[in-house]
Amino acid sequence: MFNSSSKQHSEVAFQTSSQKQKSESKPLRENILILILLKWKLLKNEIQGTEVLSLIKLHSRNIGTQET
């Protein structure tokens, strides 16, 4: 059996970890959407492969500066 303080502590820990997972998944979702968009544009021949690589590098630099 759990005592009430132990149960409350585990609930707070669960809430904190689920909030952390939500905040970490947002940049991942953005990255996936950007990669899908870039791939679609590449397949439609709207941009060249070298442009895709430069955009990916630029975006990864932007994410690196946001996390620090």
Protein backbone atom coordinates (compact mmCIF):
# COMPACT_ATOMS: atom_id res chain seq x y z
CA MET A 1 0.00 0.00 0.00
CA PHE A 2 1.11 3.54 -0.70
CA ASN A 3 1.01 6.18 1.92
CA SER A 4 -0.45 9.49 0.75
CA SER A 5 2.86 11.43 0.58
CA SER A 6 4.51 8.69 -1.49
CA LYS A 7 1.56 8.61 -3.87
CA GLN A 8 1.58 12.40 -4.26
CA HIS A 9 5.32 12.40 -4.92
CA SER A 10 5.00 9.79 -7.66
CA GLU A 11 2.13 11.74 -9.27
CA VAL A 12 4.21 14.94 -9.30
CA ALA A 13 7.17 13.06 -10.79
CA PHE A 14 4.92 11.62 -13.51
CA GLN A 15 3.45 15.04 -14.34
CA THR A 16 6.92 16.59 -14.54
CA SER A 17 8.23 13.85 -16.83
CA SER A 18 5.19 14.06 -19.14
CA GLN A 19 5.61 17.86 -19.40
CA LYS A 20 9.28 17.37 -20.24
CA GLN A 21 8.42 14.84 -22.96
CA LYS A 22 5.92 17.26 -24.51
CA SER A 23 8.45 20.10 -24.61
CA GLU A 24 11.14 17.82 -26.10
CA SER A 25 8.84 16.45 -28.80
CA LYS A 26 7.98 19.87 -30.27
CA PRO A 27 11.38 20.50 -31.95
CA LEU A 28 11.40 16.89 -33.18
CA ARG A 29 7.98 17.37 -34.76
CA GLU A 30 9.17 20.61 -36.38
CA ASN A 31 12.26 18.87 -37.75
CA ILE A 32 10.20 16.03 -39.21
CA LEU A 33 7.79 18.46 -40.85
CA ILE A 34 10.65 20.49 -42.31
CA LEU A 35 12.32 17.37 -43.68
CA ILE A 36 9.06 16.23 -45.26
CA LEU A 37 8.58 19.65 -46.84
CA LEU A 38 12.15 19.71 -48.17
CA LYS A 39 11.83 16.20 -49.58
CA TRP A 40 8.54 17.08 -51.26
CA LYS A 41 10.07 20.21 -52.82
CA LEU A 42 13.05 18.18 -53.97
CA LEU A 43 10.79 15.56 -55.57
CA LYS A 44 8.81 18.31 -57.29
CA ASN A 45 12.12 19.73 -58.60
CA GLU A 46 11.36 23.09 -56.99
CA ILE A 47 14.76 23.17 -55.31
CA GLN A 48 18.09 21.49 -55.91
CA GLY A 49 19.70 18.92 -53.60
CA THR A 50 22.45 21.33 -52.57
CA GLU A 51 19.82 23.84 -51.48
CA VAL A 52 18.17 21.17 -49.34
CA LEU A 53 21.47 20.41 -47.62
CA SER A 54 22.17 24.09 -46.95
CA LEU A 55 18.66 24.59 -45.55
CA ILE A 56 19.05 21.56 -43.27
CA LYS A 57 22.39 22.85 -42.00
CA LEU A 58 20.92 26.32 -41.42
CA HIS A 59 17.92 24.89 -39.56
CA SER A 60 20.09 22.64 -37.38
CA ARG A 61 22.24 25.66 -36.44
CA ASN A 62 19.08 27.58 -35.50
CA ILE A 63 17.86 24.73 -33.30
CA GLY A 64 21.28 24.50 -31.63
CA THR A 65 21.15 28.18 -30.69
CA GLN A 66 17.59 27.89 -29.35
CA GLU A 67 18.47 25.03 -27.00
CA THR A 68 21.39 26.81 -25.34
